[in-house]
């Protein structure tokens, strides 16, 4: 058995390799997908290749590729071999957290300052995905400056509109295919009208 100090160093090295491996895997998957190498290996689709050869779900592969590509564009230093060799494992971000950050950048409700804070939390502090999701949730809640009554009214109106649309669609179908008596179809139209009257400005 290794000495405790040697064991400690080996464990650190393995942990670092494990955390860094997603970046390397994402890079390989990105190249394989982009250049369609899987076809020359006998697979009709990238999804089948991932499932059969790597035992990776397509959703996981997509997150790995998109997270890698995001880092390559936004923080190229983090995909370089020298970074992965020198950086502490604690500083290598989780691919799920990078994916959440990628999606946050596309969210128009998140301004530049908030995104900068999220970027710091993911790429420099290497926070866990659930922490980043909670941070985003808080940002979005703080952004919504409407009063609770206004939010409730907005939700209520949206629900009523969906119901009216569904009723109108079903009424047309029932009427054209003669699936219900005329008096019931009329009641559906009346109900849609009454619901529309409940919409609040």
N, C-alpha and C. Protein backbone atom coordinates (compact mmCIF):
# COMPACT_ATOMS: atom_id res chain seq x y z
N UNK A 1 0.85 -1.21 0.00
CA UNK A 1 0.00 0.00 0.00
C UNK A 1 0.88 1.25 0.00
N UNK A 2 0.47 2.25 -0.78
CA UNK A 2 1.25 3.50 -0.83
C UNK A 2 1.24 4.20 0.52
N UNK A 3 2.27 5.02 0.71
CA UNK A 3 2.30 5.88 1.88
C UNK A 3 1.15 6.87 1.78
N UNK A 4 0.58 7.31 2.93
CA UNK A 4 -0.54 8.25 2.90
C UNK A 4 -0.32 9.47 2.02
N UNK A 5 0.88 10.06 2.08
CA UNK A 5 1.15 11.27 1.29
C UNK A 5 1.14 10.96 -0.21
N UNK A 6 1.72 9.79 -0.56
CA UNK A 6 1.76 9.39 -1.97
C UNK A 6 0.34 9.07 -2.47
N UNK A 7 -0.42 8.40 -1.61
CA UNK A 7 -1.81 8.06 -1.93
C UNK A 7 -2.63 9.33 -2.17
N UNK A 8 -2.35 10.32 -1.30
CA UNK A 8 -3.07 11.60 -1.43
C UNK A 8 -2.81 12.25 -2.78
N UNK A 9 -1.53 12.27 -3.18
CA UNK A 9 -1.15 12.90 -4.45
C UNK A 9 -1.73 12.14 -5.65
N UNK A 10 -1.72 10.80 -5.55
CA UNK A 10 -2.28 10.00 -6.64
C UNK A 10 -3.78 10.23 -6.77
N UNK A 11 -4.46 10.35 -5.65
CA UNK A 11 -5.91 10.59 -5.65
C UNK A 11 -6.22 11.94 -6.26
N UNK A 12 -5.42 12.95 -5.92
CA UNK A 12 -5.59 14.29 -6.49
C UNK A 12 -5.42 14.24 -8.01
N UNK A 13 -4.40 13.51 -8.46
CA UNK A 13 -4.11 13.41 -9.90
C UNK A 13 -5.26 12.73 -10.64
N UNK A 14 -5.82 11.66 -10.03
CA UNK A 14 -6.93 10.94 -10.66
C UNK A 14 -8.18 11.81 -10.70
N UNK A 15 -8.42 12.53 -9.60
CA UNK A 15 -9.60 13.42 -9.54
C UNK A 15 -9.49 14.50 -10.61
N UNK A 16 -8.30 15.03 -10.78
CA UNK A 16 -8.06 16.07 -11.79
C UNK A 16 -8.30 15.51 -13.19
N UNK A 17 -7.77 14.31 -13.42
CA UNK A 17 -7.94 13.66 -14.72
C UNK A 17 -9.42 13.41 -15.01
N UNK A 18 -10.14 12.99 -13.98
CA UNK A 18 -11.57 12.70 -14.12
C UNK A 18 -12.34 13.97 -14.47
N UNK A 19 -12.06 15.07 -13.79
CA UNK A 19 -12.78 16.33 -14.03
C UNK A 19 -12.42 16.92 -15.39
N UNK A 20 -11.18 16.72 -15.80
CA UNK A 20 -10.73 17.29 -17.08
C UNK A 20 -11.17 16.44 -18.26
N UNK A 21 -11.49 15.18 -18.02
CA UNK A 21 -11.76 14.26 -19.13
C UNK A 21 -12.97 14.66 -19.95
N UNK A 22 -13.94 15.35 -19.33
CA UNK A 22 -15.14 15.73 -20.10
C UNK A 22 -14.78 16.72 -21.21
N UNK A 23 -13.80 17.58 -20.95
CA UNK A 23 -13.41 18.57 -21.96
C UNK A 23 -12.79 17.85 -23.17
N UNK A 24 -11.94 16.89 -22.88
CA UNK A 24 -11.31 16.12 -23.95
C UNK A 24 -12.36 15.29 -24.70
N UNK A 25 -13.26 14.67 -23.96
CA UNK A 25 -14.32 13.87 -24.58
C UNK A 25 -15.22 14.75 -25.44
N UNK A 26 -15.58 15.93 -24.91
CA UNK A 26 -16.40 16.87 -25.66
C UNK A 26 -15.74 17.28 -26.97
N UNK A 27 -14.43 17.47 -26.91
CA UNK A 27 -13.67 17.85 -28.11
C UNK A 27 -13.72 16.74 -29.15
N UNK A 28 -13.49 15.50 -28.72
CA UNK A 28 -13.52 14.36 -29.64
C UNK A 28 -14.91 14.20 -30.25
N UNK A 29 -15.94 14.26 -29.40
CA UNK A 29 -17.31 14.10 -29.88
C UNK A 29 -17.68 15.20 -30.87
N UNK A 30 -17.24 16.41 -30.58
CA UNK A 30 -17.53 17.56 -31.46
C UNK A 30 -16.93 17.32 -32.85
N UNK A 31 -15.69 16.83 -32.89
CA UNK A 31 -15.01 16.56 -34.16
C UNK A 31 -15.68 15.40 -34.90
N UNK A 32 -16.00 14.34 -34.16
CA UNK A 32 -16.65 13.16 -34.76
C UNK A 32 -17.99 13.54 -35.37
N UNK A 33 -18.75 14.36 -34.63
CA UNK A 33 -20.07 14.77 -35.10
C UNK A 33 -19.96 15.72 -36.30
N UNK A 34 -19.07 16.69 -36.19
CA UNK A 34 -18.91 17.71 -37.25
C UNK A 34 -18.45 17.08 -38.56
N UNK A 35 -17.47 16.18 -38.47
CA UNK A 35 -16.90 15.56 -39.68
C UNK A 35 -17.56 14.24 -40.06
N UNK A 36 -18.59 13.85 -39.27
CA UNK A 36 -19.35 12.61 -39.55
C UNK A 36 -18.45 11.37 -39.65
N UNK A 37 -17.45 11.29 -38.80
CA UNK A 37 -16.55 10.13 -38.80
C UNK A 37 -17.29 8.82 -38.49
N UNK A 38 -18.37 8.94 -37.69
CA UNK A 38 -19.10 7.75 -37.28
C UNK A 38 -19.62 6.95 -38.48
N UNK A 39 -19.87 7.63 -39.61
CA UNK A 39 -20.38 6.93 -40.80
C UNK A 39 -19.34 5.97 -41.36
N UNK A 40 -18.06 6.40 -41.34
CA UNK A 40 -17.01 5.52 -41.85
C UNK A 40 -16.74 4.36 -40.89
N UNK A 41 -17.29 4.45 -39.68
CA UNK A 41 -17.14 3.37 -38.70
C UNK A 41 -18.36 2.44 -38.69
N UNK A 42 -19.25 2.66 -39.67
CA UNK A 42 -20.37 1.74 -39.82
C UNK A 42 -21.66 2.14 -39.12
N UNK A 43 -21.73 3.38 -38.62
CA UNK A 43 -22.94 3.83 -37.93
C UNK A 43 -23.71 4.81 -38.82
N UNK A 44 -25.02 4.61 -38.90
CA UNK A 44 -25.85 5.47 -39.74
C UNK A 44 -26.09 6.84 -39.10
N UNK A 45 -26.09 6.86 -37.75
CA UNK A 45 -26.34 8.13 -37.06
C UNK A 45 -25.37 8.31 -35.91
N UNK A 46 -25.17 9.57 -35.55
CA UNK A 46 -24.32 9.90 -34.41
C UNK A 46 -24.92 9.36 -33.12
N UNK A 47 -26.25 9.40 -33.04
CA UNK A 47 -26.97 8.89 -31.86
C UNK A 47 -26.66 7.42 -31.64
N UNK A 48 -26.71 6.63 -32.73
CA UNK A 48 -26.44 5.19 -32.63
C UNK A 48 -24.99 4.94 -32.23
N UNK A 49 -24.07 5.72 -32.81
CA UNK A 49 -22.65 5.59 -32.46
C UNK A 49 -22.44 5.81 -30.97
N UNK A 50 -23.02 6.90 -30.44
CA UNK A 50 -22.85 7.22 -29.02
C UNK A 50 -23.41 6.12 -28.13
N UNK A 51 -24.59 5.63 -28.50
CA UNK A 51 -25.27 4.62 -27.69
C UNK A 51 -24.56 3.27 -27.73
N UNK A 52 -24.22 2.82 -28.95
CA UNK A 52 -23.66 1.48 -29.11
C UNK A 52 -22.17 1.41 -28.74
N UNK A 53 -21.40 2.41 -29.18
CA UNK A 53 -19.96 2.32 -28.98
C UNK A 53 -19.47 2.95 -27.67
N UNK A 54 -20.17 3.99 -27.23
CA UNK A 54 -19.70 4.71 -26.04
C UNK A 54 -20.62 4.55 -24.83
N UNK A 55 -21.81 3.99 -25.05
CA UNK A 55 -22.82 3.88 -23.99
C UNK A 55 -23.15 5.25 -23.39
N UNK A 56 -23.25 6.24 -24.27
CA UNK A 56 -23.58 7.61 -23.87
C UNK A 56 -24.90 8.00 -24.54
N UNK A 57 -25.81 8.57 -23.77
CA UNK A 57 -27.07 9.05 -24.34
C UNK A 57 -26.79 10.24 -25.25
N UNK A 58 -27.64 10.41 -26.26
CA UNK A 58 -27.46 11.52 -27.20
C UNK A 58 -27.55 12.87 -26.48
N UNK A 59 -28.44 12.95 -25.47
CA UNK A 59 -28.58 14.21 -24.73
C UNK A 59 -27.30 14.56 -23.99
N UNK A 60 -26.67 13.54 -23.40
CA UNK A 60 -25.40 13.76 -22.69
C UNK A 60 -24.31 14.18 -23.67
N UNK A 61 -24.25 13.48 -24.81
CA UNK A 61 -23.25 13.80 -25.83
C UNK A 61 -23.44 15.23 -26.32
N UNK A 62 -24.70 15.64 -26.51
CA UNK A 62 -24.99 16.99 -26.98
C UNK A 62 -24.51 18.03 -25.97
N UNK A 63 -24.77 17.78 -24.69
CA UNK A 63 -24.32 18.71 -23.64
C UNK A 63 -22.80 18.80 -23.62
N UNK A 64 -22.13 17.65 -23.74
CA UNK A 64 -20.66 17.63 -23.73
C UNK A 64 -20.10 18.44 -24.90
N UNK A 65 -20.67 18.22 -26.09
CA UNK A 65 -20.18 18.93 -27.28
C UNK A 65 -20.44 20.43 -27.18
N UNK A 66 -21.67 20.78 -26.80
CA UNK A 66 -22.03 22.20 -26.72
C UNK A 66 -21.24 22.92 -25.63
N UNK A 67 -21.00 22.22 -24.52
CA UNK A 67 -20.23 22.82 -23.43
C UNK A 67 -18.77 23.02 -23.85
N UNK A 68 -18.24 22.01 -24.56
CA UNK A 68 -16.87 22.13 -25.06
C UNK A 68 -16.77 23.30 -26.05
N UNK A 69 -17.71 23.35 -27.00
CA UNK A 69 -17.68 24.39 -28.03
C UNK A 69 -17.83 25.78 -27.41
N UNK A 70 -18.65 25.87 -26.37
CA UNK A 70 -18.83 27.14 -25.65
C UNK A 70 -17.50 27.58 -25.03
N UNK A 71 -16.81 26.65 -24.37
CA UNK A 71 -15.51 26.98 -23.77
C UNK A 71 -14.51 27.37 -24.85
N UNK A 72 -14.53 26.65 -25.95
CA UNK A 72 -13.59 26.93 -27.04
C UNK A 72 -13.75 28.36 -27.55
N UNK A 73 -15.00 28.83 -27.60
CA UNK A 73 -15.27 30.19 -28.08
C UNK A 73 -15.05 31.24 -27.00
N UNK A 74 -15.57 30.95 -25.79
CA UNK A 74 -15.59 31.94 -24.72
C UNK A 74 -14.32 31.96 -23.87
N UNK A 75 -13.73 30.80 -23.69
CA UNK A 75 -12.56 30.69 -22.80
C UNK A 75 -11.58 29.66 -23.35
N UNK A 76 -10.97 29.94 -24.52
CA UNK A 76 -10.11 28.95 -25.19
C UNK A 76 -8.97 28.41 -24.33
N UNK A 77 -8.51 29.21 -23.36
CA UNK A 77 -7.41 28.74 -22.50
C UNK A 77 -7.81 27.46 -21.76
N UNK A 78 -9.11 27.32 -21.49
CA UNK A 78 -9.57 26.19 -20.68
C UNK A 78 -9.61 24.87 -21.44
N UNK A 79 -9.50 24.94 -22.77
CA UNK A 79 -9.50 23.69 -23.54
C UNK A 79 -8.09 23.33 -24.01
N UNK A 80 -7.12 24.13 -23.59
CA UNK A 80 -5.74 23.83 -23.99
C UNK A 80 -5.14 22.77 -23.06
N UNK A 81 -4.30 21.89 -23.59
CA UNK A 81 -3.68 20.84 -22.77
C UNK A 81 -2.89 21.39 -21.60
N UNK A 82 -2.24 22.54 -21.78
CA UNK A 82 -1.43 23.12 -20.70
C UNK A 82 -2.30 23.51 -19.51
N UNK A 83 -3.50 24.05 -19.79
CA UNK A 83 -4.42 24.41 -18.71
C UNK A 83 -4.81 23.17 -17.92
N UNK A 84 -5.19 22.12 -18.65
CA UNK A 84 -5.65 20.90 -17.99
C UNK A 84 -4.53 20.22 -17.21
N UNK A 85 -3.30 20.39 -17.67
CA UNK A 85 -2.16 19.78 -16.96
C UNK A 85 -1.83 20.56 -15.70
N UNK A 86 -1.87 21.89 -15.78
CA UNK A 86 -1.43 22.72 -14.67
C UNK A 86 -2.51 23.04 -13.66
N UNK A 87 -3.75 23.14 -14.12
CA UNK A 87 -4.82 23.62 -13.24
C UNK A 87 -5.21 22.60 -12.19
N UNK A 88 -5.57 23.10 -11.03
CA UNK A 88 -6.07 22.23 -9.97
C UNK A 88 -7.43 21.67 -10.38
N UNK A 89 -7.73 20.45 -9.94
CA UNK A 89 -9.00 19.83 -10.32
C UNK A 89 -10.19 20.66 -9.83
N UNK A 90 -10.01 21.32 -8.68
CA UNK A 90 -11.10 22.14 -8.12
C UNK A 90 -11.46 23.32 -9.01
N UNK A 91 -10.55 23.69 -9.92
CA UNK A 91 -10.79 24.86 -10.78
C UNK A 91 -11.37 24.48 -12.15
N UNK A 92 -11.50 23.19 -12.42
CA UNK A 92 -12.06 22.76 -13.70
C UNK A 92 -13.57 22.67 -13.58
N UNK A 93 -14.30 23.44 -14.38
CA UNK A 93 -15.76 23.47 -14.23
C UNK A 93 -16.44 22.19 -14.69
N UNK A 94 -17.58 21.91 -14.10
CA UNK A 94 -18.41 20.77 -14.47
C UNK A 94 -19.09 21.06 -15.81
N UNK A 95 -19.22 20.03 -16.65
CA UNK A 95 -19.81 20.28 -17.98
C UNK A 95 -21.27 20.72 -17.90
N UNK A 96 -21.98 20.22 -16.87
CA UNK A 96 -23.38 20.63 -16.69
C UNK A 96 -23.45 22.12 -16.36
N UNK A 97 -22.52 22.57 -15.51
CA UNK A 97 -22.48 23.99 -15.13
C UNK A 97 -22.15 24.86 -16.35
N UNK A 98 -21.23 24.39 -17.19
CA UNK A 98 -20.88 25.14 -18.40
C UNK A 98 -22.08 25.20 -19.34
N UNK A 99 -22.82 24.10 -19.42
CA UNK A 99 -24.00 24.07 -20.29
C UNK A 99 -25.07 25.05 -19.78
N UNK A 100 -25.24 25.12 -18.46
CA UNK A 100 -26.20 26.07 -17.87
C UNK A 100 -25.75 27.50 -18.18
N UNK A 101 -24.45 27.75 -18.10
CA UNK A 101 -23.91 29.07 -18.41
C UNK A 101 -24.14 29.41 -19.89
N UNK A 102 -23.95 28.43 -20.75
CA UNK A 102 -24.17 28.61 -22.20
C UNK A 102 -25.62 29.04 -22.46
N UNK A 103 -26.55 28.35 -21.81
CA UNK A 103 -27.97 28.67 -21.98
C UNK A 103 -28.30 30.06 -21.40
N UNK A 104 -27.63 30.39 -20.29
CA UNK A 104 -27.86 31.69 -19.65
C UNK A 104 -27.45 32.82 -20.59
N UNK A 105 -26.41 32.59 -21.37
CA UNK A 105 -25.95 33.64 -22.30
C UNK A 105 -27.01 33.94 -23.36
N UNK A 106 -27.81 32.94 -23.69
CA UNK A 106 -28.85 33.11 -24.71
C UNK A 106 -30.14 33.72 -24.13
N UNK A 107 -30.21 33.78 -22.80
CA UNK A 107 -31.42 34.30 -22.15
C UNK A 107 -31.40 35.83 -22.13
N UNK A 108 -32.35 36.43 -22.84
CA UNK A 108 -32.39 37.89 -22.95
C UNK A 108 -32.72 38.59 -21.64
N UNK A 109 -33.25 37.84 -20.68
CA UNK A 109 -33.59 38.44 -19.39
C UNK A 109 -32.38 38.58 -18.48
N UNK A 110 -31.27 37.97 -18.88
CA UNK A 110 -30.04 38.04 -18.07
C UNK A 110 -29.12 39.08 -18.70
N UNK A 111 -28.87 40.16 -17.96
CA UNK A 111 -28.05 41.24 -18.53
C UNK A 111 -26.55 40.93 -18.45
N UNK A 112 -25.76 41.81 -19.02
CA UNK A 112 -24.30 41.60 -19.12
C UNK A 112 -23.65 41.45 -17.75
N UNK A 113 -24.07 42.30 -16.80
CA UNK A 113 -23.48 42.24 -15.46
C UNK A 113 -23.77 40.94 -14.76
N UNK A 114 -25.02 40.48 -14.84
CA UNK A 114 -25.40 39.21 -14.21
C UNK A 114 -24.69 38.04 -14.87
N UNK A 115 -24.57 38.10 -16.21
CA UNK A 115 -23.87 37.01 -16.91
C UNK A 115 -22.40 36.97 -16.50
N UNK A 116 -21.82 38.15 -16.30
CA UNK A 116 -20.42 38.22 -15.86
C UNK A 116 -20.24 37.53 -14.51
N UNK A 117 -21.21 37.73 -13.60
CA UNK A 117 -21.17 37.07 -12.29
C UNK A 117 -21.30 35.56 -12.43
N UNK A 118 -22.19 35.14 -13.33
CA UNK A 118 -22.40 33.70 -13.56
C UNK A 118 -21.14 33.07 -14.16
N UNK A 119 -20.55 33.80 -15.08
CA UNK A 119 -19.32 33.33 -15.74
C UNK A 119 -18.20 33.13 -14.70
N UNK A 120 -18.09 34.09 -13.81
CA UNK A 120 -17.10 34.00 -12.73
C UNK A 120 -17.36 32.77 -11.87
N UNK A 121 -18.63 32.56 -11.54
CA UNK A 121 -19.01 31.43 -10.67
C UNK A 121 -18.71 30.09 -11.32
N UNK A 122 -18.93 30.00 -12.65
CA UNK A 122 -18.72 28.72 -13.34
C UNK A 122 -17.26 28.51 -13.73
N UNK A 123 -16.68 29.48 -14.43
CA UNK A 123 -15.36 29.28 -15.01
C UNK A 123 -14.20 29.52 -14.06
N UNK A 124 -14.39 30.36 -13.06
CA UNK A 124 -13.29 30.62 -12.14
C UNK A 124 -13.47 29.96 -10.77
N UNK A 125 -14.72 29.96 -10.28
CA UNK A 125 -14.97 29.35 -8.97
C UNK A 125 -15.39 27.89 -9.09
N UNK A 126 -15.69 27.44 -10.32
CA UNK A 126 -16.10 26.04 -10.59
C UNK A 126 -17.24 25.58 -9.68
N UNK A 127 -18.27 26.42 -9.56
CA UNK A 127 -19.41 26.06 -8.72
C UNK A 127 -20.22 24.95 -9.37
N UNK A 128 -20.96 24.22 -8.53
CA UNK A 128 -21.75 23.08 -9.00
C UNK A 128 -22.95 23.57 -9.81
N UNK A 129 -23.46 22.72 -10.73
CA UNK A 129 -24.60 23.12 -11.58
C UNK A 129 -25.81 23.60 -10.78
N UNK A 130 -26.13 22.90 -9.68
CA UNK A 130 -27.31 23.30 -8.90
C UNK A 130 -27.15 24.69 -8.28
N UNK A 131 -25.92 25.06 -7.94
CA UNK A 131 -25.67 26.40 -7.41
C UNK A 131 -25.89 27.46 -8.49
N UNK A 132 -25.46 27.14 -9.71
CA UNK A 132 -25.62 28.07 -10.83
C UNK A 132 -27.09 28.22 -11.18
N UNK A 133 -27.82 27.11 -11.19
CA UNK A 133 -29.26 27.17 -11.49
C UNK A 133 -29.98 28.03 -10.46
N UNK A 134 -29.60 27.86 -9.18
CA UNK A 134 -30.22 28.65 -8.11
C UNK A 134 -29.90 30.13 -8.29
N UNK A 135 -28.67 30.43 -8.69
CA UNK A 135 -28.24 31.81 -8.91
C UNK A 135 -29.05 32.43 -10.06
N UNK A 136 -29.24 31.66 -11.13
CA UNK A 136 -30.02 32.14 -12.28
C UNK A 136 -31.47 32.38 -11.87
N UNK A 137 -32.02 31.44 -11.12
CA UNK A 137 -33.41 31.57 -10.66
C UNK A 137 -33.59 32.87 -9.87
N UNK A 138 -32.63 33.15 -9.00
CA UNK A 138 -32.68 34.37 -8.19
C UNK A 138 -32.58 35.62 -9.07
N UNK A 139 -31.70 35.57 -10.06
CA UNK A 139 -31.54 36.70 -10.98
C UNK A 139 -32.85 36.99 -11.70
N UNK A 140 -33.49 35.93 -12.20
CA UNK A 140 -34.73 36.09 -12.95
C UNK A 140 -35.87 36.57 -12.06
N UNK A 141 -35.89 36.09 -10.82
CA UNK A 141 -36.92 36.55 -9.88
C UNK A 141 -36.73 38.03 -9.55
N UNK A 142 -35.47 38.42 -9.38
CA UNK A 142 -35.17 39.83 -9.09
C UNK A 142 -35.48 40.73 -10.30
N UNK A 143 -35.34 40.17 -11.51
CA UNK A 143 -35.61 40.94 -12.72
C UNK A 143 -37.10 41.24 -12.88
N UNK A 144 -37.93 40.32 -12.37
CA UNK A 144 -39.36 40.49 -12.54
C UNK A 144 -39.87 41.49 -11.51
N UNK A 145 -40.00 42.73 -11.94
CA UNK A 145 -40.36 43.81 -11.02
C UNK A 145 -41.86 43.99 -10.89
N UNK A 146 -42.63 43.14 -11.55
CA UNK A 146 -44.09 43.27 -11.45
C UNK A 146 -44.56 42.89 -10.05
N UNK A 147 -45.67 43.46 -9.66
CA UNK A 147 -46.27 43.13 -8.38
C UNK A 147 -46.85 41.71 -8.44
N UNK A 148 -46.92 40.99 -7.30
CA UNK A 148 -47.48 39.64 -7.28
C UNK A 148 -48.87 39.55 -7.91
N UNK A 149 -49.72 40.58 -7.69
CA UNK A 149 -51.07 40.57 -8.27
C UNK A 149 -51.01 40.61 -9.80
N UNK A 150 -50.06 41.38 -10.31
CA UNK A 150 -49.93 41.50 -11.76
C UNK A 150 -49.44 40.18 -12.36
N UNK A 151 -48.53 39.51 -11.68
CA UNK A 151 -48.02 38.21 -12.13
C UNK A 151 -49.16 37.19 -12.16
N UNK A 152 -49.96 37.20 -11.08
CA UNK A 152 -51.10 36.28 -10.98
C UNK A 152 -52.11 36.54 -12.10
N UNK A 153 -52.37 37.81 -12.38
CA UNK A 153 -53.32 38.18 -13.43
C UNK A 153 -52.81 37.72 -14.80
N UNK A 154 -51.52 37.88 -15.00
CA UNK A 154 -50.91 37.46 -16.27
C UNK A 154 -51.04 35.95 -16.46
N UNK A 155 -50.78 35.18 -15.40
CA UNK A 155 -50.90 33.73 -15.47
C UNK A 155 -52.35 33.32 -15.74
N UNK A 156 -53.28 33.99 -15.05
CA UNK A 156 -54.71 33.68 -15.19
C UNK A 156 -55.17 33.94 -16.63
N UNK A 157 -54.79 35.09 -17.18
CA UNK A 157 -55.16 35.43 -18.55
C UNK A 157 -54.61 34.42 -19.55
N UNK A 158 -53.35 34.03 -19.34
CA UNK A 158 -52.71 33.06 -20.25
C UNK A 158 -53.44 31.73 -20.23
N UNK A 159 -53.84 31.28 -19.02
CA UNK A 159 -54.56 30.01 -18.88
C UNK A 159 -55.93 30.08 -19.55
N UNK A 160 -56.63 31.19 -19.36
CA UNK A 160 -57.96 31.36 -19.98
C UNK A 160 -57.84 31.35 -21.50
N UNK A 161 -56.83 32.05 -22.02
CA UNK A 161 -56.64 32.11 -23.48
C UNK A 161 -56.37 30.73 -24.06
N UNK A 162 -55.57 29.93 -23.34
CA UNK A 162 -55.29 28.57 -23.82
C UNK A 162 -56.57 27.74 -23.86
N UNK A 163 -57.39 27.89 -22.81
CA UNK A 163 -58.64 27.14 -22.73
C UNK A 163 -59.62 27.56 -23.82
N UNK A 164 -59.72 28.86 -24.09
CA UNK A 164 -60.60 29.37 -25.15
C UNK A 164 -60.15 28.83 -26.51
N UNK A 165 -58.84 28.84 -26.75
CA UNK A 165 -58.30 28.33 -28.01
C UNK A 165 -58.63 26.85 -28.18
N UNK A 166 -58.47 26.09 -27.11
CA UNK A 166 -58.76 24.65 -27.15
C UNK A 166 -60.25 24.40 -27.41
N UNK A 167 -61.11 25.17 -26.71
CA UNK A 167 -62.56 25.02 -26.88
C UNK A 167 -62.97 25.36 -28.32
N UNK A 168 -62.44 26.42 -28.86
CA UNK A 168 -62.77 26.85 -30.22
C UNK A 168 -62.35 25.79 -31.24
N UNK A 169 -61.17 25.23 -31.02
CA UNK A 169 -60.66 24.19 -31.92
C UNK A 169 -61.53 22.94 -31.86
N UNK A 170 -61.87 22.52 -30.63
CA UNK A 170 -62.70 21.33 -30.45
C UNK A 170 -64.10 21.56 -31.01
N UNK A 171 -64.63 22.77 -30.83
CA UNK A 171 -65.97 23.11 -31.35
C UNK A 171 -66.01 22.93 -32.87
N UNK A 172 -64.97 23.45 -33.55
CA UNK A 172 -64.91 23.33 -35.01
C UNK A 172 -64.88 21.87 -35.44
N UNK A 173 -64.08 21.08 -34.72
CA UNK A 173 -63.96 19.66 -35.08
C UNK A 173 -65.29 18.93 -34.86
N UNK A 174 -65.91 19.17 -33.70
CA UNK A 174 -67.17 18.51 -33.37
C UNK A 174 -68.27 18.90 -34.37
N UNK A 175 -68.22 20.17 -34.79
CA UNK A 175 -69.23 20.69 -35.71
C UNK A 175 -69.05 20.11 -37.11
N UNK A 176 -67.80 20.13 -37.60
CA UNK A 176 -67.54 19.66 -38.96
C UNK A 176 -67.73 18.15 -39.11
N UNK A 177 -67.41 17.39 -38.03
CA UNK A 177 -67.55 15.94 -38.10
C UNK A 177 -68.87 15.44 -37.49
N UNK A 178 -69.71 16.40 -37.06
CA UNK A 178 -71.03 16.07 -36.47
C UNK A 178 -70.91 15.03 -35.35
N UNK A 179 -70.00 15.31 -34.43
CA UNK A 179 -69.75 14.38 -33.32
C UNK A 179 -70.59 14.69 -32.09
N UNK A 180 -71.17 15.89 -32.04
CA UNK A 180 -72.02 16.29 -30.90
C UNK A 180 -73.29 16.94 -31.42
N UNK A 181 -74.35 16.89 -30.61
CA UNK A 181 -75.59 17.57 -31.00
C UNK A 181 -75.35 19.09 -31.07
N UNK A 182 -76.16 19.77 -31.86
CA UNK A 182 -76.01 21.21 -32.08
C UNK A 182 -76.09 22.01 -30.79
N UNK A 183 -76.97 21.60 -29.86
CA UNK A 183 -77.12 22.38 -28.62
C UNK A 183 -75.86 22.32 -27.76
N UNK A 184 -75.14 21.19 -27.77
CA UNK A 184 -73.89 21.08 -27.00
C UNK A 184 -72.78 21.92 -27.65
N UNK A 185 -72.75 21.93 -28.97
CA UNK A 185 -71.75 22.74 -29.68
C UNK A 185 -71.98 24.22 -29.38
N UNK A 186 -73.28 24.61 -29.31
CA UNK A 186 -73.60 25.99 -28.97
C UNK A 186 -73.14 26.32 -27.55
N UNK A 187 -73.31 25.35 -26.64
CA UNK A 187 -72.88 25.56 -25.25
C UNK A 187 -71.36 25.75 -25.17
N UNK A 188 -70.64 25.01 -26.02
CA UNK A 188 -69.17 25.17 -26.07
C UNK A 188 -68.82 26.60 -26.51
N UNK A 189 -69.53 27.09 -27.51
CA UNK A 189 -69.29 28.46 -28.01
C UNK A 189 -69.64 29.49 -26.93
N UNK A 190 -70.76 29.23 -26.22
CA UNK A 190 -71.16 30.14 -25.14
C UNK A 190 -70.12 30.17 -24.03
N UNK A 191 -69.61 28.97 -23.70
CA UNK A 191 -68.61 28.88 -22.62
C UNK A 191 -67.34 29.63 -23.02
N UNK A 192 -66.92 29.49 -24.29
CA UNK A 192 -65.72 30.20 -24.77
C UNK A 192 -65.93 31.71 -24.64
N UNK A 193 -67.14 32.17 -24.96
CA UNK A 193 -67.45 33.59 -24.85
C UNK A 193 -67.41 34.08 -23.41
N UNK A 194 -67.97 33.26 -22.50
CA UNK A 194 -67.97 33.62 -21.08
C UNK A 194 -66.56 33.67 -20.52
N UNK A 195 -65.73 32.74 -20.98
CA UNK A 195 -64.33 32.72 -20.52
C UNK A 195 -63.59 33.97 -21.00
N UNK A 196 -63.86 34.36 -22.24
CA UNK A 196 -63.21 35.57 -22.78
C UNK A 196 -63.61 36.81 -21.98
N UNK A 197 -64.83 36.81 -21.47
CA UNK A 197 -65.29 37.93 -20.64
C UNK A 197 -64.52 38.02 -19.32
N UNK A 198 -63.90 36.90 -18.93
CA UNK A 198 -63.16 36.86 -17.67
C UNK A 198 -61.73 37.41 -17.80
N UNK A 199 -61.31 37.67 -19.03
CA UNK A 199 -59.97 38.21 -19.22
C UNK A 199 -59.87 39.60 -18.64
N UNK A 200 -58.77 39.86 -17.93
CA UNK A 200 -58.57 41.15 -17.27
C UNK A 200 -57.51 41.95 -18.00
N UNK A 201 -57.73 43.23 -18.06
CA UNK A 201 -56.76 44.14 -18.70
C UNK A 201 -55.55 44.30 -17.80
